[in-house]
Protein backbone atom coordinates (compact mmCIF):
# COMPACT_ATOMS: atom_id res chain seq x y z
CA MET A 1 20.76 66.02 -2.46
CA GLU A 2 19.29 63.68 0.27
CA ASP A 3 21.08 60.36 1.17
CA PRO A 4 19.86 57.88 3.82
CA VAL A 5 23.43 57.57 5.07
CA PHE A 6 24.76 61.14 4.66
CA GLY A 7 21.49 63.20 4.85
CA GLN A 8 21.43 66.39 2.91
CA VAL A 9 24.79 67.29 1.33
CA LEU A 10 25.46 70.99 1.97
CA GLY A 11 29.02 71.30 0.79
CA LEU A 12 31.89 69.29 -0.68
CA GLY A 13 35.50 70.25 -0.50
CA HIS A 14 38.61 68.66 -1.92
CA ASP A 15 42.35 69.67 -1.75
CA LEU A 16 45.83 68.27 -2.80
CA VAL A 17 49.03 68.96 -1.08
CA ASP A 18 52.59 68.71 -2.60
CA LEU A 19 54.31 66.69 0.24
CA LYS A 20 57.87 68.04 -0.75
CA GLU A 21 56.79 71.74 -0.75
CA PHE A 22 54.68 71.51 2.34
CA GLY A 23 57.80 69.91 4.09
CA ARG A 24 59.88 72.82 2.94
CA GLN A 25 57.33 75.23 4.24
CA LEU A 26 57.32 73.56 7.63
CA ALA A 27 61.09 73.63 7.84
CA MET A 28 61.57 77.39 7.06
CA PRO A 29 63.04 79.45 9.68
CA GLY A 30 60.45 81.65 11.27
CA THR A 31 57.48 79.90 9.65
CA ARG A 32 54.19 79.91 11.44
CA MET A 33 52.82 76.75 9.75
CA THR A 34 53.25 74.49 12.75
CA SER A 35 51.01 76.99 14.77
CA LEU A 36 48.25 76.28 12.35
CA PHE A 37 47.95 72.79 13.91
CA SER A 38 46.62 72.01 17.34
CA ALA A 39 48.98 70.29 19.87
CA ARG A 40 46.82 67.24 19.38
CA GLU A 41 47.33 67.10 15.62
CA ARG A 42 51.07 67.69 16.00
CA ARG A 43 51.25 64.84 18.59
CA GLN A 44 49.43 62.37 16.25
CA ALA A 45 51.68 63.27 13.25
CA GLU A 46 54.61 62.51 15.43
CA GLN A 47 53.05 59.18 16.59
CA GLN A 48 52.10 58.23 13.10
CA ALA A 49 55.52 59.08 11.71
CA LEU A 50 57.15 56.86 14.40
CA LEU A 51 54.76 53.92 13.61
CA LYS A 52 55.49 54.29 9.74
CA HIS A 53 58.96 55.24 9.82
CA ASP A 54 58.48 58.42 7.83
CA ASP A 55 58.35 62.17 8.32
CA PRO A 56 55.64 63.96 10.45
CA SER A 57 55.38 66.59 7.79
CA THR A 58 53.71 63.86 5.55
CA HIS A 59 50.89 63.38 8.24
CA LEU A 60 50.62 67.13 8.79
CA ALA A 61 50.26 67.78 5.01
CA VAL A 62 47.32 65.24 4.74
CA ARG A 63 45.76 67.16 7.78
CA TRP A 64 46.42 70.42 6.00
CA ALA A 65 44.54 69.11 2.86
CA GLY A 66 41.68 68.22 5.24
CA LYS A 67 41.65 71.74 6.88
CA GLU A 68 41.49 73.40 3.36
CA SER A 69 38.71 70.98 2.36
CA VAL A 70 36.67 71.85 5.44
CA LEU A 71 36.94 75.65 4.50
CA LYS A 72 35.94 74.72 0.79
CA ALA A 73 32.85 72.56 2.01
CA TRP A 74 31.84 75.25 4.43
CA SER A 75 32.08 77.95 1.84
CA GLN A 76 30.07 75.90 -0.73
CA ALA A 77 27.31 75.26 1.77
CA LEU A 78 26.83 78.89 2.18
CA GLY A 79 25.71 79.23 -1.34
CA PRO A 80 25.56 83.02 -2.21
CA GLU A 81 26.01 84.26 1.41
CA PRO A 82 29.39 85.67 2.14
CA SER A 83 31.96 83.42 4.05
CA PRO A 84 32.73 84.31 7.64
CA TYR A 85 36.33 83.46 6.88
CA GLY A 86 38.99 83.68 4.16
CA LEU A 87 42.33 81.92 3.85
CA ASP A 88 44.10 84.61 5.95
CA ASP A 89 41.63 84.54 8.99
CA PHE A 90 40.37 81.06 8.98
CA PRO A 91 40.79 79.51 12.52
CA TRP A 92 43.23 76.75 11.31
CA SER A 93 44.15 75.39 14.64
CA GLY A 94 40.56 75.47 15.78
CA VAL A 95 39.55 72.98 13.00
CA GLU A 96 41.22 69.68 14.00
CA ILE A 97 41.72 66.75 11.73
CA LEU A 98 42.21 63.82 14.20
CA ASP A 99 42.23 60.01 13.99
CA ASP A 100 39.97 58.14 16.36
CA GLY A 101 41.20 54.86 18.28
CA ARG A 102 40.76 53.02 15.04
CA GLY A 103 42.69 55.18 12.79
CA ARG A 104 39.55 56.83 11.21
CA PRO A 105 39.87 60.52 10.50
CA GLY A 106 37.36 62.99 11.81
CA ILE A 107 36.78 66.61 11.99
CA HIS A 108 36.65 68.41 15.51
CA LEU A 109 35.82 72.02 15.56
CA GLU A 110 36.44 74.30 18.62
CA SER A 111 33.23 75.48 20.10
CA SER A 112 33.62 79.13 18.95
CA VAL A 113 34.22 77.86 15.37
CA GLU A 114 31.20 75.38 15.54
CA ALA A 115 28.99 78.13 16.68
CA ARG A 116 30.22 80.43 13.72
CA LEU A 117 29.32 77.53 11.36
CA HIS A 118 25.98 77.11 12.52
CA ASP A 119 25.44 80.84 12.59
CA SER A 120 26.67 81.27 9.10
CA LEU A 121 24.66 78.51 7.33
CA PRO A 122 21.22 79.27 5.78
CA SER A 123 18.48 77.99 8.13
CA THR A 124 15.68 75.48 7.25
CA GLY A 125 13.60 77.24 9.97
CA SER A 126 14.02 74.30 12.29
CA GLN A 127 15.32 74.82 15.83
CA VAL A 128 17.47 71.69 15.52
CA ASP A 129 19.37 72.62 12.45
CA TRP A 130 22.49 73.17 14.49
CA VAL A 131 22.56 69.79 16.18
CA GLN A 132 22.14 67.78 12.89
CA LEU A 133 25.31 68.82 11.12
CA CYS A 134 27.84 66.23 10.51
CA TRP A 135 31.30 66.08 8.60
CA HIS A 136 32.69 63.23 6.56
CA ILE A 137 36.26 63.13 5.70
CA ALA A 138 38.57 60.82 3.56
CA LEU A 139 42.33 61.35 3.65
CA SER A 140 45.09 59.85 1.59
CA HIS A 141 48.76 60.39 0.83
CA ASP A 142 50.65 58.45 -1.82
CA GLY A 143 53.89 59.36 -3.68
CA PRO A 144 54.37 63.14 -3.85
CA VAL A 145 50.85 64.19 -2.82
CA ALA A 146 48.38 64.23 0.00
CA SER A 147 44.71 64.53 -0.68
CA ALA A 148 41.45 65.10 1.33
CA VAL A 149 37.77 65.13 0.54
CA VAL A 150 35.22 66.49 2.90
CA LEU A 151 31.42 66.58 2.91
CA LEU A 152 29.41 68.84 5.25
CA CYS A 153 25.90 67.39 5.67
CA ARG A 154 22.74 68.02 7.48
CA CYS A 155 22.16 64.55 8.92
CA ALA A 156 18.85 62.72 8.70
């Protein structure tokens, strides 16, 4: 599918997170959940919680939905090829869901994760395939759930 704004859509991912359950998991003694977020993500979640007078777990939950949506969009983009990652070995903290200065969410990949993404995707035979990938993300949380939708595109 080719679109003048998004280019060729390679993969679509969507995820929902139960806020209450996610907060419980974060609060469990000995949990490794917080280590799945980068320091920048945790800092942004804390700042947003202060501004909105709510819990940082809400803002981490929506980022978690974003991370899972990234994995789903990436996996879909691979078609029949095997995924380089599964749920147990995905580089969760190397995939950051961060807001820009205007509060718009974006996806930032560590260089090693980005290289693995480009290496895993089917090539069109063009030397510039790698440079032309872009992500689009929408995040929301309301009531008891957080939601994210992610598109992985080959930009026009």
